């Protein structure tokens, strides 16, 4: 297992992150990013689950607000919950 420390972390550009997220589609991804408190976090999840979830108007507004702040939603498989991270704080996407 390769464990990365915060000192070794090199951030991806926002453009690189957006391209990787778009390219992953419905495939499981592993994202490592820097949390607001400065620690590293890794999430295994999906950017677009394959189910055909129909979002409400409130959910669509929330998604637009998140995008405006630079946040990217990800469905974490272990907790079965939606999480998010900032595109400018990503270290790695696999």
N, C-alpha and C. Protein backbone atom coordinates (compact mmCIF):
# COMPACT_ATOMS: atom_id res chain seq x y z
N UNK A 1 0.85 -1.18 0.00
CA UNK A 1 0.00 0.00 0.00
C UNK A 1 0.89 1.24 0.00
N UNK A 2 0.58 2.17 -0.87
CA UNK A 2 1.33 3.41 -0.98
C UNK A 2 0.65 4.49 -0.16
N UNK A 3 1.28 4.90 0.95
CA UNK A 3 0.69 5.92 1.81
C UNK A 3 1.39 7.24 1.54
N UNK A 4 0.60 8.26 1.21
CA UNK A 4 1.13 9.56 0.87
C UNK A 4 0.95 10.49 2.07
N UNK A 5 1.98 11.28 2.36
CA UNK A 5 1.86 12.26 3.42
C UNK A 5 1.49 13.60 2.81
N UNK A 6 0.98 14.49 3.63
CA UNK A 6 0.56 15.81 3.16
C UNK A 6 1.76 16.58 2.60
N UNK A 7 2.94 16.33 3.12
CA UNK A 7 4.15 17.00 2.63
C UNK A 7 4.50 16.56 1.22
N UNK A 8 4.16 15.32 0.85
CA UNK A 8 4.47 14.77 -0.47
C UNK A 8 3.39 15.09 -1.51
N UNK A 9 2.30 15.68 -1.07
CA UNK A 9 1.15 15.89 -1.95
C UNK A 9 1.41 16.99 -2.97
N UNK A 10 1.17 16.67 -4.24
CA UNK A 10 1.22 17.64 -5.33
C UNK A 10 -0.19 17.72 -5.90
N UNK A 11 -0.74 18.92 -5.94
CA UNK A 11 -2.12 19.07 -6.38
C UNK A 11 -2.25 18.99 -7.88
N UNK A 12 -3.36 18.39 -8.32
CA UNK A 12 -3.72 18.38 -9.74
C UNK A 12 -4.34 19.74 -10.06
N UNK A 13 -4.32 20.13 -11.33
CA UNK A 13 -5.00 21.36 -11.71
C UNK A 13 -6.50 21.10 -11.76
N UNK A 14 -7.29 22.15 -11.65
CA UNK A 14 -8.74 22.01 -11.72
C UNK A 14 -9.15 21.40 -13.06
N UNK A 15 -8.47 21.80 -14.13
CA UNK A 15 -8.78 21.27 -15.46
C UNK A 15 -8.48 19.77 -15.53
N UNK A 16 -7.36 19.33 -14.95
CA UNK A 16 -7.03 17.91 -14.93
C UNK A 16 -8.11 17.12 -14.17
N UNK A 17 -8.54 17.67 -13.04
CA UNK A 17 -9.56 17.00 -12.23
C UNK A 17 -10.86 16.86 -13.02
N UNK A 18 -11.31 17.94 -13.65
CA UNK A 18 -12.56 17.90 -14.40
C UNK A 18 -12.49 16.90 -15.56
N UNK A 19 -11.34 16.82 -16.23
CA UNK A 19 -11.17 15.85 -17.32
C UNK A 19 -11.21 14.41 -16.79
N UNK A 20 -10.54 14.17 -15.66
CA UNK A 20 -10.53 12.82 -15.08
C UNK A 20 -11.93 12.41 -14.64
N UNK A 21 -12.66 13.33 -14.00
CA UNK A 21 -14.02 13.03 -13.53
C UNK A 21 -14.92 12.71 -14.73
N UNK A 22 -14.83 13.51 -15.78
CA UNK A 22 -15.65 13.28 -16.98
C UNK A 22 -15.30 11.94 -17.62
N UNK A 23 -14.02 11.59 -17.62
CA UNK A 23 -13.57 10.34 -18.23
C UNK A 23 -13.95 9.10 -17.44
N UNK A 24 -14.17 9.23 -16.15
CA UNK A 24 -14.52 8.08 -15.31
C UNK A 24 -15.95 7.61 -15.52
N UNK A 25 -16.84 8.54 -15.83
CA UNK A 25 -18.23 8.15 -16.06
C UNK A 25 -18.81 7.40 -14.89
N UNK A 26 -19.27 6.16 -15.12
CA UNK A 26 -19.89 5.36 -14.06
C UNK A 26 -18.93 4.34 -13.45
N UNK A 27 -17.63 4.48 -13.71
CA UNK A 27 -16.64 3.56 -13.15
C UNK A 27 -16.27 3.97 -11.73
N UNK A 28 -15.93 3.00 -10.91
CA UNK A 28 -15.50 3.26 -9.53
C UNK A 28 -14.16 3.99 -9.58
N UNK A 29 -14.04 5.01 -8.75
CA UNK A 29 -12.84 5.84 -8.71
C UNK A 29 -12.36 5.98 -7.28
N UNK A 30 -11.07 6.25 -7.15
CA UNK A 30 -10.48 6.55 -5.86
C UNK A 30 -9.92 7.97 -5.94
N UNK A 31 -10.37 8.83 -5.05
CA UNK A 31 -9.96 10.23 -5.05
C UNK A 31 -9.25 10.54 -3.74
N UNK A 32 -8.07 11.13 -3.83
CA UNK A 32 -7.35 11.60 -2.66
C UNK A 32 -7.29 13.11 -2.74
N UNK A 33 -7.70 13.76 -1.67
CA UNK A 33 -7.75 15.22 -1.66
C UNK A 33 -7.39 15.75 -0.28
N UNK A 34 -7.16 17.05 -0.21
CA UNK A 34 -6.84 17.71 1.05
C UNK A 34 -8.12 18.28 1.63
N UNK A 35 -8.43 17.88 2.86
CA UNK A 35 -9.63 18.35 3.54
C UNK A 35 -9.42 19.79 4.03
N UNK A 36 -10.50 20.40 4.47
CA UNK A 36 -10.45 21.78 4.97
C UNK A 36 -9.51 21.92 6.16
N UNK A 37 -9.35 20.86 6.95
CA UNK A 37 -8.46 20.93 8.11
C UNK A 37 -7.00 20.66 7.75
N UNK A 38 -6.73 20.41 6.45
CA UNK A 38 -5.36 20.20 5.98
C UNK A 38 -4.92 18.75 5.91
N UNK A 39 -5.76 17.83 6.37
CA UNK A 39 -5.39 16.41 6.32
C UNK A 39 -5.80 15.81 4.97
N UNK A 40 -5.18 14.67 4.64
CA UNK A 40 -5.51 13.96 3.41
C UNK A 40 -6.69 13.03 3.64
N UNK A 41 -7.53 12.89 2.65
CA UNK A 41 -8.65 11.96 2.71
C UNK A 41 -8.75 11.22 1.39
N UNK A 42 -9.09 9.95 1.45
CA UNK A 42 -9.29 9.15 0.26
C UNK A 42 -10.71 8.59 0.27
N UNK A 43 -11.39 8.74 -0.86
CA UNK A 43 -12.75 8.24 -1.02
C UNK A 43 -12.79 7.30 -2.22
N UNK A 44 -13.45 6.16 -2.04
CA UNK A 44 -13.74 5.25 -3.15
C UNK A 44 -15.21 5.44 -3.48
N UNK A 45 -15.49 5.78 -4.73
CA UNK A 45 -16.88 6.02 -5.06
C UNK A 45 -17.12 6.23 -6.53
N UNK A 46 -18.30 6.75 -6.82
CA UNK A 46 -18.75 6.97 -8.19
C UNK A 46 -19.12 8.44 -8.38
N UNK A 47 -18.73 8.99 -9.51
CA UNK A 47 -19.12 10.36 -9.82
C UNK A 47 -20.53 10.39 -10.40
N UNK A 48 -20.88 9.34 -11.14
CA UNK A 48 -22.23 9.24 -11.71
C UNK A 48 -22.69 7.80 -11.54
N UNK A 49 -23.45 7.52 -10.49
CA UNK A 49 -23.96 6.16 -10.33
C UNK A 49 -24.80 5.77 -11.54
N UNK A 50 -24.82 4.50 -11.85
CA UNK A 50 -25.51 4.03 -13.06
C UNK A 50 -27.02 4.00 -12.91
N UNK A 51 -27.52 4.17 -11.69
CA UNK A 51 -28.99 4.18 -11.53
C UNK A 51 -29.56 5.46 -12.14
N UNK A 52 -30.79 5.39 -12.53
CA UNK A 52 -31.44 6.53 -13.17
C UNK A 52 -32.20 7.34 -12.13
N UNK A 53 -31.47 8.00 -11.26
CA UNK A 53 -32.07 8.80 -10.21
C UNK A 53 -32.58 10.11 -10.82
N UNK A 54 -33.82 10.42 -10.56
CA UNK A 54 -34.39 11.66 -11.04
C UNK A 54 -34.31 12.66 -9.90
N UNK A 55 -33.54 13.70 -10.09
CA UNK A 55 -33.35 14.69 -9.03
C UNK A 55 -34.49 15.68 -8.95
N UNK A 56 -34.70 16.19 -7.76
CA UNK A 56 -35.72 17.22 -7.57
C UNK A 56 -35.14 18.57 -7.98
N UNK A 57 -35.99 19.57 -8.04
CA UNK A 57 -35.53 20.92 -8.37
C UNK A 57 -34.55 21.41 -7.31
N UNK A 58 -34.83 21.09 -6.05
CA UNK A 58 -33.93 21.49 -4.95
C UNK A 58 -32.55 20.85 -5.12
N UNK A 59 -32.54 19.57 -5.49
CA UNK A 59 -31.28 18.86 -5.69
C UNK A 59 -30.48 19.44 -6.86
N UNK A 60 -31.19 19.82 -7.92
CA UNK A 60 -30.51 20.42 -9.07
C UNK A 60 -29.92 21.78 -8.70
N UNK A 61 -30.64 22.56 -7.90
CA UNK A 61 -30.13 23.86 -7.45
C UNK A 61 -28.90 23.68 -6.57
N UNK A 62 -28.94 22.67 -5.72
CA UNK A 62 -27.81 22.38 -4.84
C UNK A 62 -26.59 21.98 -5.68
N UNK A 63 -26.80 21.17 -6.70
CA UNK A 63 -25.71 20.75 -7.58
C UNK A 63 -25.09 21.93 -8.31
N UNK A 64 -25.91 22.85 -8.76
CA UNK A 64 -25.40 24.05 -9.43
C UNK A 64 -24.61 24.93 -8.48
N UNK A 65 -25.09 25.05 -7.24
CA UNK A 65 -24.39 25.85 -6.24
C UNK A 65 -23.03 25.23 -5.90
N UNK A 66 -23.00 23.90 -5.81
CA UNK A 66 -21.74 23.21 -5.53
C UNK A 66 -20.75 23.44 -6.67
N UNK A 67 -21.21 23.32 -7.90
CA UNK A 67 -20.34 23.53 -9.06
C UNK A 67 -19.79 24.96 -9.08
N UNK A 68 -20.63 25.92 -8.71
CA UNK A 68 -20.18 27.31 -8.67
C UNK A 68 -19.08 27.52 -7.63
N UNK A 69 -19.11 26.73 -6.55
CA UNK A 69 -18.07 26.83 -5.51
C UNK A 69 -16.84 25.99 -5.84
N UNK A 70 -16.90 25.22 -6.93
CA UNK A 70 -15.77 24.37 -7.30
C UNK A 70 -15.79 23.00 -6.64
N UNK A 71 -16.94 22.60 -6.10
CA UNK A 71 -17.06 21.30 -5.46
C UNK A 71 -17.50 20.25 -6.47
N UNK A 72 -17.01 19.02 -6.26
CA UNK A 72 -17.39 17.90 -7.11
C UNK A 72 -18.00 16.82 -6.22
N UNK A 73 -19.25 16.41 -6.53
CA UNK A 73 -19.89 15.38 -5.72
C UNK A 73 -19.39 13.99 -6.10
N UNK A 74 -19.32 13.11 -5.11
CA UNK A 74 -18.94 11.71 -5.33
C UNK A 74 -19.76 10.85 -4.38
N UNK A 75 -20.30 9.73 -4.89
CA UNK A 75 -21.07 8.81 -4.07
C UNK A 75 -20.11 7.82 -3.44
N UNK A 76 -19.89 7.95 -2.13
CA UNK A 76 -18.95 7.09 -1.42
C UNK A 76 -19.58 5.73 -1.18
N UNK A 77 -18.92 4.68 -1.67
CA UNK A 77 -19.47 3.33 -1.60
C UNK A 77 -19.55 2.78 -0.18
N UNK A 78 -18.55 3.06 0.65
CA UNK A 78 -18.52 2.47 1.99
C UNK A 78 -19.63 3.00 2.89
N UNK A 79 -19.98 4.27 2.75
CA UNK A 79 -21.02 4.86 3.60
C UNK A 79 -22.36 4.97 2.89
N UNK A 80 -22.35 4.72 1.58
CA UNK A 80 -23.55 4.85 0.75
C UNK A 80 -24.16 6.25 0.89
N UNK A 81 -23.27 7.26 0.84
CA UNK A 81 -23.70 8.66 0.96
C UNK A 81 -22.93 9.51 -0.04
N UNK A 82 -23.56 10.62 -0.40
CA UNK A 82 -22.89 11.59 -1.26
C UNK A 82 -21.93 12.42 -0.42
N UNK A 83 -20.73 12.62 -0.93
CA UNK A 83 -19.72 13.49 -0.32
C UNK A 83 -19.28 14.45 -1.42
N UNK A 84 -18.44 15.40 -1.07
CA UNK A 84 -17.91 16.29 -2.10
C UNK A 84 -16.51 16.73 -1.71
N UNK A 85 -15.78 17.22 -2.71
CA UNK A 85 -14.44 17.74 -2.50
C UNK A 85 -14.25 18.91 -3.45
N UNK A 86 -13.28 19.75 -3.14
CA UNK A 86 -12.98 20.89 -4.00
C UNK A 86 -12.00 20.47 -5.09
N UNK A 87 -12.29 20.86 -6.32
CA UNK A 87 -11.47 20.46 -7.46
C UNK A 87 -10.04 20.96 -7.34
N UNK A 88 -9.83 22.07 -6.66
CA UNK A 88 -8.47 22.62 -6.54
C UNK A 88 -7.69 22.04 -5.37
N UNK A 89 -8.23 21.00 -4.72
CA UNK A 89 -7.55 20.37 -3.58
C UNK A 89 -7.26 18.88 -3.83
N UNK A 90 -7.37 18.45 -5.08
CA UNK A 90 -7.20 17.03 -5.41
C UNK A 90 -5.73 16.69 -5.63
N UNK A 91 -5.30 15.61 -5.00
CA UNK A 91 -3.94 15.11 -5.13
C UNK A 91 -3.88 14.03 -6.21
N UNK A 92 -4.90 13.15 -6.22
CA UNK A 92 -4.85 12.01 -7.14
C UNK A 92 -6.25 11.47 -7.40
N UNK A 93 -6.48 11.04 -8.63
CA UNK A 93 -7.71 10.31 -8.99
C UNK A 93 -7.27 9.06 -9.74
N UNK A 94 -7.74 7.91 -9.25
CA UNK A 94 -7.43 6.62 -9.91
C UNK A 94 -8.71 5.98 -10.37
